[in-house]
Amino acid sequence: MLRKILFIFITTLLLGITLYFTFLYYATYSEGDRTGELIKFSSKGYVFKTWEGEISQGISGAQIFKFSVLDKDQKVIDQLKEYQGKYVKVTYVERYKTFPWWGDTNYYVTEVHSEKSPHFNK
């Protein structure tokens, strides 16, 4: 009887953990676009090297959008390196939570395009 209860408990626990991580991996909270000047993009971390960036969304830099890029999105990484210091539009997905090996933020950039700055079009 005790073995059966222990088996059911361990199976339920493993199933719960599997469902939790599956939810974190596939579920997104929101999707959208942001534009601004790409002011920082770097690989950082001691144990897990992740790609992290920041976009300034105001003239004074008062509003900063922090984001991460997954290692599998090499095209996006290369484009962000190229667009450093330029005005860009990024497409992102926001996740409920993150894994340490994915990045520091819940925002993950999936696409990036160079844009004209609205501040210098006059």
Foldseek 3Di string as FASTA:
>chain_A
DVVVVVVVVVVVVVVVVVVVVVCQVPDFDDKDKDKAFWADWDFDDDPATWIKTWGQRDPVSPDIDIETEAPVLVVQNVVSVVRHGAIKMFIWTFTPDDDVNHDDHRIYTNDMDGDHDPVPPD
